[in-house]
Amino acid sequence: AVEEAALASPDFAVKGRVDRADRHPADRGGW
């Protein structure tokens, strides 16, 4: 919902998206 609203706004640019699917095996939480 935040991304959809940001994409419709002229003063925001979504630079990156991070979620659980992006976990790194060596990281303690993947974040």
PDB file of all heavy atoms in Angstrom:
ATOM      1  N   ALA A   1       0.830  -1.210   0.000  1.00  0.00           N
ATOM      2  CA  ALA A   1       0.000   0.000   0.000  1.00  0.00           C
ATOM      3  C   ALA A   1       0.865   1.261   0.000  1.00  0.00           C
ATOM      4  O   ALA A   1       0.565   2.228  -0.702  1.00  0.00           O
ATOM      5  CB  ALA A   1      -0.926  -0.005   1.213  1.00  0.00           C
ATOM      6  N   VAL A   2       1.944   1.248   0.769  1.00  0.00           N
ATOM      7  CA  VAL A   2       2.840   2.410   0.807  1.00  0.00           C
ATOM      8  C   VAL A   2       3.500   2.616  -0.546  1.00  0.00           C
ATOM      9  O   VAL A   2       3.605   3.743  -1.043  1.00  0.00           O
ATOM     10  CB  VAL A   2       3.909   2.247   1.912  1.00  0.00           C
ATOM     11  CG1 VAL A   2       4.966   3.340   1.788  1.00  0.00           C
ATOM     12  CG2 VAL A   2       3.260   2.296   3.288  1.00  0.00           C
ATOM     13  N   GLU A   3       3.939   1.527  -1.182  1.00  0.00           N
ATOM     14  CA  GLU A   3       4.568   1.662  -2.493  1.00  0.00           C
ATOM     15  C   GLU A   3       3.583   2.206  -3.523  1.00  0.00           C
ATOM     16  O   GLU A   3       3.930   3.090  -4.321  1.00  0.00           O
ATOM     17  CB  GLU A   3       5.118   0.321  -2.966  1.00  0.00           C
ATOM     18  CG  GLU A   3       5.756   0.427  -4.345  1.00  0.00           C
ATOM     19  CD  GLU A   3       6.529  -0.810  -4.752  1.00  0.00           C
ATOM     20  OE1 GLU A   3       6.454  -1.824  -4.051  1.00  0.00           O
ATOM     21  OE2 GLU A   3       7.212  -0.756  -5.798  1.00  0.00           O
ATOM     22  N   GLU A   4       2.365   1.710  -3.508  1.00  0.00           N
ATOM     23  CA  GLU A   4       1.360   2.199  -4.458  1.00  0.00           C
ATOM     24  C   GLU A   4       1.117   3.692  -4.275  1.00  0.00           C
ATOM     25  O   GLU A   4       1.057   4.456  -5.254  1.00  0.00           O
ATOM     26  CB  GLU A   4       0.051   1.432  -4.274  1.00  0.00           C
ATOM     27  CG  GLU A   4      -1.048   1.842  -5.242  1.00  0.00           C
ATOM     28  CD  GLU A   4      -2.330   1.056  -5.041  1.00  0.00           C
ATOM     29  OE1 GLU A   4      -2.334   0.095  -4.252  1.00  0.00           O
ATOM     30  OE2 GLU A   4      -3.346   1.415  -5.683  1.00  0.00           O
ATOM     31  N   ALA A   5       1.007   4.128  -3.012  1.00  0.00           N
ATOM     32  CA  ALA A   5       0.784   5.552  -2.753  1.00  0.00           C
ATOM     33  C   ALA A   5       2.005   6.380  -3.127  1.00  0.00           C
ATOM     34  O   ALA A   5       1.879   7.486  -3.668  1.00  0.00           O
ATOM     35  CB  ALA A   5       0.439   5.764  -1.280  1.00  0.00           C
ATOM     36  N   ALA A   6       3.207   5.846  -2.875  1.00  0.00           N
ATOM     37  CA  ALA A   6       4.428   6.580  -3.201  1.00  0.00           C
ATOM     38  C   ALA A   6       4.592   6.746  -4.702  1.00  0.00           C
ATOM     39  O   ALA A   6       5.008   7.812  -5.178  1.00  0.00           O
ATOM     40  CB  ALA A   6       5.636   5.860  -2.610  1.00  0.00           C
ATOM     41  N   LEU A   7       4.265   5.703  -5.462  1.00  0.00           N
ATOM     42  CA  LEU A   7       4.404   5.780  -6.914  1.00  0.00           C
ATOM     43  C   LEU A   7       3.440   6.791  -7.528  1.00  0.00           C
ATOM     44  O   LEU A   7       3.695   7.321  -8.611  1.00  0.00           O
ATOM     45  CB  LEU A   7       4.190   4.397  -7.535  1.00  0.00           C
ATOM     46  CG  LEU A   7       5.258   3.344  -7.197  1.00  0.00           C
ATOM     47  CD1 LEU A   7       4.875   1.985  -7.783  1.00  0.00           C
ATOM     48  CD2 LEU A   7       6.618   3.781  -7.706  1.00  0.00           C
ATOM     49  N   ALA A   8       2.340   7.054  -6.833  1.00  0.00           N
ATOM     50  CA  ALA A   8       1.360   8.024  -7.326  1.00  0.00           C
ATOM     51  C   ALA A   8       1.677   9.445  -6.876  1.00  0.00           C
ATOM     52  O   ALA A   8       0.979  10.383  -7.254  1.00  0.00           O
ATOM     53  CB  ALA A   8      -0.037   7.639  -6.859  1.00  0.00           C
ATOM     54  N   SER A   9       2.725   9.600  -6.055  1.00  0.00           N
ATOM     55  CA  SER A   9       3.069  10.916  -5.516  1.00  0.00           C
ATOM     56  C   SER A   9       4.296  11.464  -6.232  1.00  0.00           C
ATOM     57  O   SER A   9       5.270  10.740  -6.462  1.00  0.00           O
ATOM     58  CB  SER A   9       3.347  10.817  -4.016  1.00  0.00           C
ATOM     59  OG  SER A   9       3.814  12.052  -3.514  1.00  0.00           O
ATOM     60  N   PRO A  10       4.304  12.753  -6.581  1.00  0.00           N
ATOM     61  CA  PRO A  10       5.446  13.327  -7.308  1.00  0.00           C
ATOM     62  C   PRO A  10       6.674  13.582  -6.442  1.00  0.00           C
ATOM     63  O   PRO A  10       7.754  13.846  -6.976  1.00  0.00           O
ATOM     64  CB  PRO A  10       4.887  14.643  -7.843  1.00  0.00           C
ATOM     65  CG  PRO A  10       3.823  15.024  -6.855  1.00  0.00           C
ATOM     66  CD  PRO A  10       3.209  13.725  -6.412  1.00  0.00           C
ATOM     67  N   ASP A  11       6.543  13.503  -5.103  1.00  0.00           N
ATOM     68  CA  ASP A  11       7.682  13.848  -4.252  1.00  0.00           C
ATOM     69  C   ASP A  11       8.383  12.640  -3.629  1.00  0.00           C
ATOM     70  O   ASP A  11       9.193  12.797  -2.723  1.00  0.00           O
ATOM     71  CB  ASP A  11       7.262  14.833  -3.151  1.00  0.00           C
ATOM     72  CG  ASP A  11       6.044  14.379  -2.376  1.00  0.00           C
ATOM     73  OD1 ASP A  11       5.380  13.429  -2.805  1.00  0.00           O
ATOM     74  OD2 ASP A  11       5.756  14.986  -1.325  1.00  0.00           O
ATOM     75  N   PHE A  12       8.073  11.426  -4.140  1.00  0.00           N
ATOM     76  CA  PHE A  12       8.738  10.227  -3.639  1.00  0.00           C
ATOM     77  C   PHE A  12       9.291   9.390  -4.780  1.00  0.00           C
ATOM     78  O   PHE A  12       8.716   9.340  -5.875  1.00  0.00           O
ATOM     79  CB  PHE A  12       7.773   9.355  -2.821  1.00  0.00           C
ATOM     80  CG  PHE A  12       7.402   9.935  -1.494  1.00  0.00           C
ATOM     81  CD1 PHE A  12       6.167  10.536  -1.302  1.00  0.00           C
ATOM     82  CD2 PHE A  12       8.285   9.901  -0.428  1.00  0.00           C
ATOM     83  CE1 PHE A  12       5.808  11.079  -0.084  1.00  0.00           C
ATOM     84  CE2 PHE A  12       7.944  10.438   0.796  1.00  0.00           C
ATOM     85  CZ  PHE A  12       6.709  11.033   0.971  1.00  0.00           C
ATOM     86  N   ALA A  13      10.396   8.725  -4.500  1.00  0.00           N
ATOM     87  CA  ALA A  13      10.962   7.726  -5.414  1.00  0.00           C
ATOM     88  C   ALA A  13      11.312   6.498  -4.583  1.00  0.00           C
ATOM     89  O   ALA A  13      11.970   6.622  -3.543  1.00  0.00           O
ATOM     90  CB  ALA A  13      12.207   8.260  -6.110  1.00  0.00           C
ATOM     91  N   VAL A  14      10.843   5.329  -5.000  1.00  0.00           N
ATOM     92  CA  VAL A  14      11.145   4.090  -4.283  1.00  0.00           C
ATOM     93  C   VAL A  14      12.527   3.611  -4.714  1.00  0.00           C
ATOM     94  O   VAL A  14      12.725   3.166  -5.837  1.00  0.00           O
ATOM     95  CB  VAL A  14      10.079   3.005  -4.554  1.00  0.00           C
ATOM     96  CG1 VAL A  14      10.455   1.711  -3.825  1.00  0.00           C
ATOM     97  CG2 VAL A  14       8.706   3.495  -4.101  1.00  0.00           C
ATOM     98  N   LYS A  15      13.471   3.740  -3.805  1.00  0.00           N
ATOM     99  CA  LYS A  15      14.867   3.409  -4.090  1.00  0.00           C
ATOM    100  C   LYS A  15      15.147   1.924  -3.926  1.00  0.00           C
ATOM    101  O   LYS A  15      15.987   1.357  -4.651  1.00  0.00           O
ATOM    102  CB  LYS A  15      15.764   4.211  -3.158  1.00  0.00           C
ATOM    103  CG  LYS A  15      17.256   3.980  -3.332  1.00  0.00           C
ATOM    104  CD  LYS A  15      18.042   4.816  -2.336  1.00  0.00           C
ATOM    105  CE  LYS A  15      19.534   4.603  -2.464  1.00  0.00           C
ATOM    106  NZ  LYS A  15      20.286   5.404  -1.461  1.00  0.00           N
ATOM    107  N   GLY A  16      14.482   1.286  -2.965  1.00  0.00           N
ATOM    108  CA  GLY A  16      14.749  -0.126  -2.719  1.00  0.00           C
ATOM    109  C   GLY A  16      13.599  -0.803  -2.016  1.00  0.00           C
ATOM    110  O   GLY A  16      12.783  -0.150  -1.348  1.00  0.00           O
ATOM    111  N   ARG A  17      13.511  -2.110  -2.183  1.00  0.00           N
ATOM    112  CA  ARG A  17      12.482  -2.932  -1.548  1.00  0.00           C
ATOM    113  C   ARG A  17      13.163  -4.099  -0.858  1.00  0.00           C
ATOM    114  O   ARG A  17      13.942  -4.822  -1.488  1.00  0.00           O
ATOM    115  CB  ARG A  17      11.484  -3.443  -2.589  1.00  0.00           C
ATOM    116  CG  ARG A  17      10.801  -2.341  -3.381  1.00  0.00           C
ATOM    117  CD  ARG A  17      10.076  -2.917  -4.582  1.00  0.00           C
ATOM    118  NE  ARG A  17       9.455  -1.875  -5.386  1.00  0.00           N
ATOM    119  CZ  ARG A  17      10.100  -1.148  -6.294  1.00  0.00           C
ATOM    120  NH1 ARG A  17      11.401  -1.350  -6.508  1.00  0.00           N
ATOM    121  NH2 ARG A  17       9.465  -0.227  -6.989  1.00  0.00           N
ATOM    122  N   VAL A  18      12.860  -4.292   0.406  1.00  0.00           N
ATOM    123  CA  VAL A  18      13.471  -5.365   1.186  1.00  0.00           C
ATOM    124  C   VAL A  18      12.352  -6.171   1.834  1.00  0.00           C
ATOM    125  O   VAL A  18      11.410  -5.608   2.388  1.00  0.00           O
ATOM    126  CB  VAL A  18      14.396  -4.797   2.281  1.00  0.00           C
ATOM    127  CG1 VAL A  18      15.030  -5.929   3.090  1.00  0.00           C
ATOM    128  CG2 VAL A  18      15.469  -3.908   1.670  1.00  0.00           C
ATOM    129  N   ASP A  19      12.462  -7.482   1.754  1.00  0.00           N
ATOM    130  CA  ASP A  19      11.469  -8.319   2.412  1.00  0.00           C
ATOM    131  C   ASP A  19      12.111  -9.620   2.849  1.00  0.00           C
ATOM    132  O   ASP A  19      13.283  -9.887   2.575  1.00  0.00           O
ATOM    133  CB  ASP A  19      10.269  -8.580   1.496  1.00  0.00           C
ATOM    134  CG  ASP A  19       9.002  -8.800   2.318  1.00  0.00           C
ATOM    135  OD1 ASP A  19       8.415  -7.803   2.773  1.00  0.00           O
ATOM    136  OD2 ASP A  19       8.632  -9.965   2.526  1.00  0.00           O
ATOM    137  N   ARG A  20      11.356 -10.468   3.494  1.00  0.00           N
ATOM    138  CA  ARG A  20      11.902 -11.719   4.013  1.00  0.00           C
ATOM    139  C   ARG A  20      12.482 -12.589   2.902  1.00  0.00           C
ATOM    140  O   ARG A  20      13.416 -13.346   3.130  1.00  0.00           O
ATOM    141  CB  ARG A  20      10.817 -12.493   4.758  1.00  0.00           C
ATOM    142  CG  ARG A  20      10.437 -11.849   6.082  1.00  0.00           C
ATOM    143  CD  ARG A  20       9.393 -12.672   6.800  1.00  0.00           C
ATOM    144  NE  ARG A  20       9.070 -12.071   8.080  1.00  0.00           N
ATOM    145  CZ  ARG A  20       9.722 -12.304   9.205  1.00  0.00           C
ATOM    146  NH1 ARG A  20      10.749 -13.128   9.198  1.00  0.00           N
ATOM    147  NH2 ARG A  20       9.372 -11.727  10.329  1.00  0.00           N
ATOM    148  N   ALA A  21      11.949 -12.507   1.723  1.00  0.00           N
ATOM    149  CA  ALA A  21      12.464 -13.315   0.614  1.00  0.00           C
ATOM    150  C   ALA A  21      13.891 -12.948   0.258  1.00  0.00           C
ATOM    151  O   ALA A  21      14.600 -13.697  -0.415  1.00  0.00           O
ATOM    152  CB  ALA A  21      11.572 -13.164  -0.610  1.00  0.00           C
ATOM    153  N   ASP A  22      14.367 -11.780   0.728  1.00  0.00           N
ATOM    154  CA  ASP A  22      15.706 -11.306   0.402  1.00  0.00           C
ATOM    155  C   ASP A  22      16.758 -11.701   1.446  1.00  0.00           C
ATOM    156  O   ASP A  22      17.860 -11.190   1.434  1.00  0.00           O
ATOM    157  CB  ASP A  22      15.694  -9.771   0.291  1.00  0.00           C
ATOM    158  CG  ASP A  22      14.805  -9.301  -0.830  1.00  0.00           C
ATOM    159  OD1 ASP A  22      14.745  -9.973  -1.864  1.00  0.00           O
ATOM    160  OD2 ASP A  22      14.156  -8.272  -0.643  1.00  0.00           O
ATOM    161  N   ARG A  23      16.413 -12.581   2.355  1.00  0.00           N
ATOM    162  CA  ARG A  23      17.340 -12.931   3.426  1.00  0.00           C
ATOM    163  C   ARG A  23      18.651 -13.501   2.895  1.00  0.00           C
ATOM    164  O   ARG A  23      18.666 -14.268   1.931  1.00  0.00           O
ATOM    165  CB  ARG A  23      16.699 -13.951   4.371  1.00  0.00           C
ATOM    166  CG  ARG A  23      15.712 -13.317   5.335  1.00  0.00           C
ATOM    167  CD  ARG A  23      15.202 -14.325   6.317  1.00  0.00           C
ATOM    168  NE  ARG A  23      14.397 -13.667   7.344  1.00  0.00           N
ATOM    169  CZ  ARG A  23      13.722 -14.319   8.278  1.00  0.00           C
ATOM    170  NH1 ARG A  23      13.759 -15.631   8.318  1.00  0.00           N
ATOM    171  NH2 ARG A  23      13.025 -13.663   9.177  1.00  0.00           N
ATOM    172  N   HIS A  24      19.702 -13.109   3.569  1.00  0.00           N
ATOM    173  CA  HIS A  24      21.028 -13.644   3.257  1.00  0.00           C
ATOM    174  C   HIS A  24      21.334 -14.745   4.263  1.00  0.00           C
ATOM    175  O   HIS A  24      21.166 -14.543   5.478  1.00  0.00           O
ATOM    176  CB  HIS A  24      22.077 -12.530   3.361  1.00  0.00           C
ATOM    177  CG  HIS A  24      23.427 -12.924   2.859  1.00  0.00           C
ATOM    178  ND1 HIS A  24      24.262 -13.744   3.580  1.00  0.00           N
ATOM    179  CD2 HIS A  24      24.080 -12.625   1.703  1.00  0.00           C
ATOM    180  CE1 HIS A  24      25.381 -13.928   2.907  1.00  0.00           C
ATOM    181  NE2 HIS A  24      25.291 -13.266   1.775  1.00  0.00           N
ATOM    182  N   PRO A  25      21.765 -15.928   3.831  1.00  0.00           N
ATOM    183  CA  PRO A  25      21.952 -17.047   4.756  1.00  0.00           C
ATOM    184  C   PRO A  25      22.893 -16.735   5.903  1.00  0.00           C
ATOM    185  O   PRO A  25      22.741 -17.275   7.001  1.00  0.00           O
ATOM    186  CB  PRO A  25      22.523 -18.155   3.853  1.00  0.00           C
ATOM    187  CG  PRO A  25      22.077 -17.794   2.486  1.00  0.00           C
ATOM    188  CD  PRO A  25      22.051 -16.301   2.449  1.00  0.00           C
ATOM    189  N   ALA A  26      23.887 -15.870   5.693  1.00  0.00           N
ATOM    190  CA  ALA A  26      24.873 -15.598   6.730  1.00  0.00           C
ATOM    191  C   ALA A  26      24.430 -14.514   7.696  1.00  0.00           C
ATOM    192  O   ALA A  26      25.070 -14.292   8.721  1.00  0.00           O
ATOM    193  CB  ALA A  26      26.200 -15.188   6.082  1.00  0.00           C
ATOM    194  N   ASP A  27      23.337 -13.835   7.384  1.00  0.00           N
ATOM    195  CA  ASP A  27      22.910 -12.714   8.215  1.00  0.00           C
ATOM    196  C   ASP A  27      22.033 -13.222   9.351  1.00  0.00           C
ATOM    197  O   ASP A  27      21.274 -14.178   9.190  1.00  0.00           O
ATOM    198  CB  ASP A  27      22.135 -11.700   7.362  1.00  0.00           C
ATOM    199  CG  ASP A  27      21.777 -10.455   8.145  1.00  0.00           C
ATOM    200  OD1 ASP A  27      22.676  -9.880   8.769  1.00  0.00           O
ATOM    201  OD2 ASP A  27      20.597 -10.091   8.127  1.00  0.00           O
ATOM    202  N   ARG A  28      22.069 -12.527  10.502  1.00  0.00           N
ATOM    203  CA  ARG A  28      21.323 -13.012  11.662  1.00  0.00           C
ATOM    204  C   ARG A  28      19.814 -12.936  11.448  1.00  0.00           C
ATOM    205  O   ARG A  28      19.064 -13.680  12.040  1.00  0.00           O
ATOM    206  CB  ARG A  28      21.706 -12.201  12.906  1.00  0.00           C
ATOM    207  CG  ARG A  28      21.352 -10.726  12.836  1.00  0.00           C
ATOM    208  CD  ARG A  28      21.823 -10.027  14.111  1.00  0.00           C
ATOM    209  NE  ARG A  28      21.720  -8.586  14.044  1.00  0.00           N
ATOM    210  CZ  ARG A  28      20.608  -7.906  14.329  1.00  0.00           C
ATOM    211  NH1 ARG A  28      19.528  -8.541  14.680  1.00  0.00           N
ATOM    212  NH2 ARG A  28      20.611  -6.582  14.254  1.00  0.00           N
ATOM    213  N   GLY A  29      19.343 -12.022  10.624  1.00  0.00           N
ATOM    214  CA  GLY A  29      17.916 -11.950  10.374  1.00  0.00           C
ATOM    215  C   GLY A  29      17.606 -11.768   8.908  1.00  0.00           C
ATOM    216  O   GLY A  29      16.466 -11.788   8.502  1.00  0.00           O
ATOM    217  N   GLY A  30      18.625 -11.566   8.108  1.00  0.00           N
ATOM    218  CA  GLY A  30      18.423 -11.377   6.691  1.00  0.00           C
ATOM    219  C   GLY A  30      18.132  -9.958   6.291  1.00  0.00           C
ATOM    220  O   GLY A  30      18.074  -9.643   5.118  1.00  0.00           O
ATOM    221  N   TRP A  31      17.938  -9.087   7.289  1.00  0.00           N
ATOM    222  CA  TRP A  31      17.536  -7.730   6.961  1.00  0.00           C
ATOM    223  C   TRP A  31      18.739  -6.816   6.753  1.00  0.00           C
ATOM    224  O   TRP A  31      18.770  -6.034   5.824  1.00  0.00           O
ATOM    225  CB  TRP A  31      16.672  -7.156   8.086  1.00  0.00           C
ATOM    226  CG  TRP A  31      15.430  -7.930   8.312  1.00  0.00           C
ATOM    227  CD1 TRP A  31      15.265  -8.975   9.174  1.00  0.00           C
ATOM    228  CD2 TRP A  31      14.182  -7.772   7.655  1.00  0.00           C
ATOM    229  NE1 TRP A  31      13.991  -9.450   9.105  1.00  0.00           N
ATOM    230  CE2 TRP A  31      13.295  -8.730   8.180  1.00  0.00           C
ATOM    231  CE3 TRP A  31      13.711  -6.892   6.674  1.00  0.00           C
ATOM    232  CZ2 TRP A  31      11.979  -8.845   7.764  1.00  0.00           C
ATOM    233  CZ3 TRP A  31      12.401  -7.003   6.259  1.00  0.00           C
ATOM    234  CH2 TRP A  31      11.552  -7.972   6.795  1.00  0.00           C
TER     235      TRP A  31
END
